[in-house]
Amino acid sequence: PTTCSPWQKFFSQYEYDFHFTCLGEMTGLNYLGGRVKDILSAVELLSQNCPDIHLEARGQGGVPALIAAVLSDKIKSIKLVDIPESWESMLLPLIPDAEKSARACMIDGIMSYFDLADLKELVTVVK
């Protein structure tokens, strides 16, 4: 996005992450889905030489990593550091922290089906 300021943080309100997400939505693509696909592609490549893959994810990066861990049987465990507790927790503050409630981590209508805690129950989470 050319409207983003080079001196701003990547996740600041209305900066790079937000613009990439909006551009994806305008073209019918999901930015979060792209992140998950990138992780799954890396896991597939690594699995050719490494039978045990363990992920570690921080902050909002934990959301696509957690989804990838659920989708791939090649990911043996995942360590989640300071990730959001739920999608709802990212939306609750009146003025949410852009770095903790990025639109790029959201899936429209997902809470009708499951939340992040439900995904955590499906994988081996290490501390």
N, C-alpha and C. Protein backbone atom coordinates (compact mmCIF):
# COMPACT_ATOMS: atom_id res chain seq x y z
N PRO A 1 0.82 -1.21 0.00
CA PRO A 1 0.00 0.00 0.00
C PRO A 1 0.85 1.25 0.00
N THR A 2 0.59 2.12 -0.91
CA THR A 2 1.42 3.33 -1.05
C THR A 2 0.99 4.44 -0.11
N THR A 3 -0.16 4.30 0.56
CA THR A 3 -0.61 5.35 1.46
C THR A 3 -0.04 5.21 2.86
N CYS A 4 0.70 4.15 3.13
CA CYS A 4 1.25 3.91 4.46
C CYS A 4 2.51 4.74 4.67
N SER A 5 2.71 5.15 5.92
CA SER A 5 3.86 5.97 6.27
C SER A 5 5.06 5.09 6.59
N PRO A 6 6.21 5.37 6.02
CA PRO A 6 7.39 4.54 6.29
C PRO A 6 7.86 4.60 7.74
N TRP A 7 7.48 5.62 8.48
CA TRP A 7 7.93 5.75 9.86
C TRP A 7 6.94 5.13 10.86
N GLN A 8 5.82 4.63 10.39
CA GLN A 8 4.84 4.00 11.26
C GLN A 8 5.17 2.52 11.46
N LYS A 9 4.63 1.95 12.52
CA LYS A 9 4.78 0.53 12.76
C LYS A 9 3.91 -0.25 11.77
N PHE A 10 4.33 -1.45 11.44
CA PHE A 10 3.60 -2.29 10.49
C PHE A 10 2.16 -2.50 10.92
N PHE A 11 1.92 -2.69 12.23
CA PHE A 11 0.59 -3.00 12.74
C PHE A 11 -0.18 -1.78 13.24
N SER A 12 0.35 -0.58 13.11
CA SER A 12 -0.36 0.60 13.58
C SER A 12 -1.71 0.72 12.88
N GLN A 13 -2.63 1.40 13.56
CA GLN A 13 -3.97 1.59 13.00
C GLN A 13 -3.90 2.20 11.60
N TYR A 14 -4.55 1.59 10.67
CA TYR A 14 -4.64 2.04 9.28
C TYR A 14 -3.29 2.06 8.56
N GLU A 15 -2.40 1.20 8.94
CA GLU A 15 -1.12 1.12 8.26
C GLU A 15 -1.04 -0.19 7.45
N TYR A 16 0.16 -0.69 7.23
CA TYR A 16 0.41 -1.78 6.29
C TYR A 16 -0.50 -2.99 6.48
N ASP A 17 -0.52 -3.54 7.69
CA ASP A 17 -1.29 -4.75 7.93
C ASP A 17 -2.76 -4.54 7.60
N PHE A 18 -3.30 -3.43 8.03
CA PHE A 18 -4.70 -3.09 7.75
C PHE A 18 -4.94 -2.95 6.25
N HIS A 19 -4.05 -2.27 5.56
CA HIS A 19 -4.21 -2.06 4.12
C HIS A 19 -4.09 -3.38 3.34
N PHE A 20 -3.13 -4.22 3.71
CA PHE A 20 -3.00 -5.52 3.04
C PHE A 20 -4.29 -6.33 3.22
N THR A 21 -4.85 -6.30 4.43
CA THR A 21 -6.09 -7.02 4.70
C THR A 21 -7.23 -6.48 3.84
N CYS A 22 -7.38 -5.17 3.78
CA CYS A 22 -8.46 -4.55 2.99
C CYS A 22 -8.28 -4.83 1.50
N LEU A 23 -7.06 -4.76 1.02
CA LEU A 23 -6.82 -5.06 -0.40
C LEU A 23 -7.20 -6.51 -0.71
N GLY A 24 -6.88 -7.41 0.20
CA GLY A 24 -7.25 -8.81 0.02
C GLY A 24 -8.76 -8.97 -0.04
N GLU A 25 -9.46 -8.31 0.89
CA GLU A 25 -10.91 -8.41 0.90
C GLU A 25 -11.53 -7.84 -0.37
N MET A 26 -10.97 -6.76 -0.87
CA MET A 26 -11.51 -6.15 -2.10
C MET A 26 -11.32 -7.05 -3.31
N THR A 27 -10.32 -7.92 -3.25
CA THR A 27 -10.07 -8.82 -4.38
C THR A 27 -10.58 -10.23 -4.12
N GLY A 28 -11.32 -10.39 -3.03
CA GLY A 28 -11.90 -11.69 -2.72
C GLY A 28 -10.94 -12.67 -2.08
N LEU A 29 -9.82 -12.18 -1.59
CA LEU A 29 -8.83 -13.04 -0.93
C LEU A 29 -8.81 -12.74 0.56
N ASN A 30 -8.41 -13.72 1.35
CA ASN A 30 -8.36 -13.55 2.79
C ASN A 30 -6.90 -13.50 3.23
N TYR A 31 -6.51 -12.40 3.85
CA TYR A 31 -5.12 -12.20 4.27
C TYR A 31 -4.71 -13.25 5.31
N LEU A 32 -5.59 -13.54 6.26
CA LEU A 32 -5.29 -14.57 7.25
C LEU A 32 -5.12 -15.92 6.58
N GLY A 33 -5.97 -16.23 5.62
CA GLY A 33 -5.85 -17.48 4.88
C GLY A 33 -4.52 -17.57 4.15
N GLY A 34 -4.04 -16.44 3.64
CA GLY A 34 -2.74 -16.41 2.98
C GLY A 34 -1.60 -16.69 3.94
N ARG A 35 -1.73 -16.15 5.15
CA ARG A 35 -0.70 -16.42 6.17
C ARG A 35 -0.68 -17.90 6.55
N VAL A 36 -1.87 -18.46 6.71
CA VAL A 36 -1.96 -19.88 7.04
C VAL A 36 -1.35 -20.72 5.91
N LYS A 37 -1.66 -20.36 4.68
CA LYS A 37 -1.11 -21.08 3.53
C LYS A 37 0.42 -20.98 3.51
N ASP A 38 0.96 -19.82 3.83
CA ASP A 38 2.42 -19.66 3.88
C ASP A 38 3.04 -20.59 4.92
N ILE A 39 2.42 -20.66 6.09
CA ILE A 39 2.94 -21.53 7.15
C ILE A 39 2.86 -22.99 6.73
N LEU A 40 1.72 -23.37 6.16
CA LEU A 40 1.56 -24.77 5.71
C LEU A 40 2.55 -25.11 4.60
N SER A 41 2.84 -24.16 3.73
CA SER A 41 3.83 -24.40 2.66
C SER A 41 5.22 -24.60 3.25
N ALA A 42 5.57 -23.78 4.24
CA ALA A 42 6.88 -23.92 4.89
C ALA A 42 6.97 -25.25 5.63
N VAL A 43 5.89 -25.64 6.29
CA VAL A 43 5.85 -26.92 7.00
C VAL A 43 6.03 -28.07 6.01
N GLU A 44 5.36 -28.00 4.89
CA GLU A 44 5.48 -29.04 3.86
C GLU A 44 6.92 -29.16 3.37
N LEU A 45 7.55 -28.02 3.12
CA LEU A 45 8.94 -28.02 2.66
C LEU A 45 9.86 -28.59 3.74
N LEU A 46 9.71 -28.14 4.97
CA LEU A 46 10.56 -28.62 6.06
C LEU A 46 10.36 -30.10 6.34
N SER A 47 9.14 -30.57 6.17
CA SER A 47 8.84 -31.97 6.49
C SER A 47 9.56 -32.95 5.57
N GLN A 48 10.07 -32.48 4.46
CA GLN A 48 10.81 -33.35 3.56
C GLN A 48 12.13 -33.82 4.19
N ASN A 49 12.66 -33.03 5.13
CA ASN A 49 13.92 -33.37 5.77
C ASN A 49 13.83 -33.46 7.29
N CYS A 50 12.71 -33.08 7.83
CA CYS A 50 12.57 -33.05 9.29
C CYS A 50 11.22 -33.66 9.67
N PRO A 51 11.23 -34.83 10.31
CA PRO A 51 9.96 -35.49 10.61
C PRO A 51 9.16 -34.83 11.74
N ASP A 52 9.83 -34.16 12.67
CA ASP A 52 9.15 -33.54 13.80
C ASP A 52 9.21 -32.02 13.70
N ILE A 53 8.09 -31.41 13.45
CA ILE A 53 8.03 -29.96 13.32
C ILE A 53 7.27 -29.40 14.51
N HIS A 54 7.89 -28.43 15.17
CA HIS A 54 7.30 -27.77 16.33
C HIS A 54 7.31 -26.28 16.04
N LEU A 55 6.17 -25.64 16.19
CA LEU A 55 6.06 -24.21 15.92
C LEU A 55 6.11 -23.42 17.21
N GLU A 56 6.56 -22.18 17.09
CA GLU A 56 6.44 -21.20 18.18
C GLU A 56 5.93 -19.93 17.54
N ALA A 57 4.91 -19.35 18.15
CA ALA A 57 4.31 -18.15 17.59
C ALA A 57 4.05 -17.13 18.69
N ARG A 58 4.18 -15.87 18.32
CA ARG A 58 3.99 -14.77 19.28
C ARG A 58 2.93 -13.80 18.79
N GLY A 59 2.24 -13.22 19.76
CA GLY A 59 1.28 -12.17 19.45
C GLY A 59 0.25 -12.62 18.43
N GLN A 60 -0.10 -11.72 17.53
CA GLN A 60 -1.12 -12.07 16.55
C GLN A 60 -0.64 -13.12 15.55
N GLY A 61 0.66 -13.36 15.47
CA GLY A 61 1.18 -14.43 14.64
C GLY A 61 0.75 -15.81 15.13
N GLY A 62 0.28 -15.86 16.37
CA GLY A 62 -0.22 -17.11 16.91
C GLY A 62 -1.52 -17.57 16.28
N VAL A 63 -2.30 -16.64 15.76
CA VAL A 63 -3.59 -17.02 15.17
C VAL A 63 -3.39 -17.85 13.90
N PRO A 64 -2.64 -17.38 12.90
CA PRO A 64 -2.44 -18.24 11.73
C PRO A 64 -1.64 -19.51 12.05
N ALA A 65 -0.70 -19.41 13.00
CA ALA A 65 0.08 -20.60 13.37
C ALA A 65 -0.82 -21.65 14.02
N LEU A 66 -1.74 -21.21 14.86
CA LEU A 66 -2.67 -22.14 15.52
C LEU A 66 -3.58 -22.80 14.49
N ILE A 67 -4.08 -22.04 13.55
CA ILE A 67 -4.93 -22.61 12.49
C ILE A 67 -4.13 -23.62 11.66
N ALA A 68 -2.89 -23.27 11.33
CA ALA A 68 -2.04 -24.18 10.55
C ALA A 68 -1.79 -25.47 11.33
N ALA A 69 -1.57 -25.35 12.64
CA ALA A 69 -1.32 -26.53 13.47
C ALA A 69 -2.53 -27.46 13.49
N VAL A 70 -3.71 -26.90 13.46
CA VAL A 70 -4.93 -27.71 13.42
C VAL A 70 -5.05 -28.42 12.07
N LEU A 71 -4.67 -27.74 11.01
CA LEU A 71 -4.84 -28.29 9.66
C LEU A 71 -3.76 -29.28 9.24
N SER A 72 -2.58 -29.22 9.87
CA SER A 72 -1.47 -30.08 9.44
C SER A 72 -1.15 -31.15 10.48
N ASP A 73 -1.10 -32.39 10.05
CA ASP A 73 -0.69 -33.46 10.94
C ASP A 73 0.83 -33.53 11.06
N LYS A 74 1.54 -32.70 10.31
CA LYS A 74 3.01 -32.69 10.36
C LYS A 74 3.54 -31.80 11.48
N ILE A 75 2.68 -30.96 12.02
CA ILE A 75 3.07 -30.09 13.14
C ILE A 75 2.78 -30.86 14.43
N LYS A 76 3.84 -31.22 15.15
CA LYS A 76 3.72 -32.06 16.34
C LYS A 76 3.26 -31.29 17.56
N SER A 77 3.69 -30.02 17.68
CA SER A 77 3.28 -29.20 18.82
C SER A 77 3.46 -27.73 18.46
N ILE A 78 2.87 -26.89 19.30
CA ILE A 78 2.97 -25.46 19.08
C ILE A 78 3.12 -24.77 20.43
N LYS A 79 4.01 -23.80 20.49
CA LYS A 79 4.17 -22.97 21.67
C LYS A 79 3.60 -21.60 21.33
N LEU A 80 2.66 -21.15 22.13
CA LEU A 80 1.99 -19.87 21.88
C LEU A 80 2.37 -18.88 22.96
N VAL A 81 2.95 -17.75 22.56
CA VAL A 81 3.41 -16.75 23.50
C VAL A 81 2.63 -15.45 23.28
N ASP A 82 1.92 -15.03 24.30
CA ASP A 82 1.20 -13.75 24.29
C ASP A 82 0.25 -13.61 23.09
N ILE A 83 -0.48 -14.69 22.81
CA ILE A 83 -1.46 -14.58 21.72
C ILE A 83 -2.81 -14.19 22.32
N PRO A 84 -3.70 -13.67 21.50
CA PRO A 84 -5.03 -13.31 22.02
C PRO A 84 -5.74 -14.54 22.57
N GLU A 85 -6.53 -14.35 23.62
CA GLU A 85 -7.28 -15.44 24.23
C GLU A 85 -8.43 -15.90 23.34
N SER A 86 -9.02 -14.95 22.62
CA SER A 86 -10.16 -15.27 21.76
C SER A 86 -10.31 -14.18 20.71
N TRP A 87 -11.13 -14.47 19.71
CA TRP A 87 -11.42 -13.41 18.74
C TRP A 87 -12.21 -12.30 19.42
N GLU A 88 -13.07 -12.65 20.33
CA GLU A 88 -13.86 -11.64 21.04
C GLU A 88 -12.95 -10.70 21.83
N SER A 89 -11.90 -11.23 22.45
CA SER A 89 -11.00 -10.39 23.23
C SER A 89 -10.28 -9.36 22.37
N MET A 90 -10.17 -9.63 21.08
CA MET A 90 -9.53 -8.67 20.18
C MET A 90 -10.48 -7.54 19.80
N LEU A 91 -11.78 -7.76 20.01
CA LEU A 91 -12.78 -6.78 19.60
C LEU A 91 -13.35 -5.97 20.75
N LEU A 92 -13.19 -6.43 21.99
CA LEU A 92 -13.87 -5.82 23.12
C LEU A 92 -13.48 -4.38 23.44
N PRO A 93 -12.23 -4.01 23.43
CA PRO A 93 -11.93 -2.62 23.82
C PRO A 93 -12.61 -1.65 22.87
N LEU A 94 -13.08 -0.53 23.44
CA LEU A 94 -13.74 0.48 22.62
C LEU A 94 -12.80 0.97 21.51
N ILE A 95 -11.56 1.23 21.88
CA ILE A 95 -10.53 1.56 20.90
C ILE A 95 -9.46 0.50 21.05
N PRO A 96 -9.55 -0.58 20.27
CA PRO A 96 -8.62 -1.70 20.45
C PRO A 96 -7.19 -1.35 20.07
N ASP A 97 -6.27 -2.04 20.70
CA ASP A 97 -4.85 -1.91 20.37
C ASP A 97 -4.64 -2.56 19.01
N ALA A 98 -4.17 -1.78 18.04
CA ALA A 98 -4.03 -2.28 16.67
C ALA A 98 -3.09 -3.48 16.59
N GLU A 99 -2.10 -3.54 17.48
CA GLU A 99 -1.17 -4.65 17.43
C GLU A 99 -1.75 -5.92 18.01
N LYS A 100 -2.82 -5.82 18.79
CA LYS A 100 -3.42 -7.01 19.39
C LYS A 100 -4.79 -7.34 18.81
N SER A 101 -5.32 -6.49 17.98
CA SER A 101 -6.65 -6.75 17.44
C SER A 101 -6.70 -6.47 15.95
N ALA A 102 -5.71 -6.93 15.27
CA ALA A 102 -5.62 -6.64 13.84
C ALA A 102 -6.75 -7.28 13.06
N ARG A 103 -7.27 -6.57 12.12
CA ARG A 103 -8.31 -7.09 11.21
C ARG A 103 -7.77 -8.31 10.47
N ALA A 104 -6.48 -8.36 10.29
CA ALA A 104 -5.85 -9.47 9.57
C ALA A 104 -6.00 -10.80 10.31
N CYS A 105 -6.38 -10.78 11.58
CA CYS A 105 -6.56 -12.01 12.36
C CYS A 105 -8.01 -12.45 12.43
N MET A 106 -8.88 -11.71 11.79
CA MET A 106 -10.31 -11.99 11.92
C MET A 106 -10.83 -12.81 10.74
N ILE A 107 -11.85 -13.60 11.03
CA ILE A 107 -12.57 -14.34 10.01
C ILE A 107 -14.04 -14.01 10.21
N ASP A 108 -14.66 -13.39 9.23
CA ASP A 108 -16.06 -12.99 9.37
C ASP A 108 -16.94 -14.17 9.75
N GLY A 109 -17.71 -14.00 10.84
CA GLY A 109 -18.69 -15.00 11.26
C GLY A 109 -18.13 -16.22 11.97
N ILE A 110 -16.84 -16.26 12.23
CA ILE A 110 -16.21 -17.46 12.77
C ILE A 110 -16.69 -17.83 14.17
N MET A 111 -17.04 -16.83 14.97
CA MET A 111 -17.43 -17.13 16.35
C MET A 111 -18.76 -17.88 16.44
N SER A 112 -19.49 -17.97 15.34
CA SER A 112 -20.70 -18.79 15.31
C SER A 112 -20.34 -20.27 15.33
N TYR A 113 -19.09 -20.58 15.02
CA TYR A 113 -18.66 -21.97 14.90
C TYR A 113 -17.66 -22.38 15.98
N PHE A 114 -16.65 -21.57 16.21
CA PHE A 114 -15.64 -21.89 17.23
C PHE A 114 -14.81 -20.67 17.53
N ASP A 115 -14.02 -20.77 18.60
CA ASP A 115 -13.13 -19.68 18.99
C ASP A 115 -11.71 -20.22 19.12
N LEU A 116 -10.77 -19.36 19.43
CA LEU A 116 -9.37 -19.77 19.52
C LEU A 116 -9.15 -20.86 20.58
N ALA A 117 -9.88 -20.77 21.68
CA ALA A 117 -9.74 -21.80 22.73
C ALA A 117 -10.12 -23.18 22.20
N ASP A 118 -11.12 -23.22 21.32
CA ASP A 118 -11.52 -24.50 20.73
C ASP A 118 -10.41 -25.07 19.86
N LEU A 119 -9.70 -24.19 19.14
CA LEU A 119 -8.59 -24.64 18.30
C LEU A 119 -7.44 -25.17 19.16
N LYS A 120 -7.19 -24.50 20.28
CA LYS A 120 -6.11 -24.93 21.18
C LYS A 120 -6.34 -26.34 21.70
N GLU A 121 -7.59 -26.72 21.87
CA GLU A 121 -7.91 -28.05 22.37
C GLU A 121 -7.62 -29.14 21.33
N LEU A 122 -7.48 -28.76 20.07
CA LEU A 122 -7.27 -29.73 19.00
C LEU A 122 -5.81 -30.03 18.72
N VAL A 123 -4.90 -29.26 19.31
CA VAL A 123 -3.47 -29.44 19.06
C VAL A 123 -2.72 -29.59 20.37
N THR A 124 -1.46 -30.00 20.27
CA THR A 124 -0.61 -30.10 21.44
C THR A 124 0.06 -28.75 21.67
N VAL A 125 -0.38 -28.06 22.71
CA VAL A 125 0.19 -26.76 23.05
C VAL A 125 1.18 -26.96 24.18
N VAL A 126 2.42 -26.52 23.96
CA VAL A 126 3.47 -26.64 24.98
C VAL A 126 3.70 -25.27 25.61
N LYS A 127 4.20 -25.30 26.82
CA LYS A 127 4.45 -24.03 27.53
C LYS A 127 5.91 -23.68 27.50
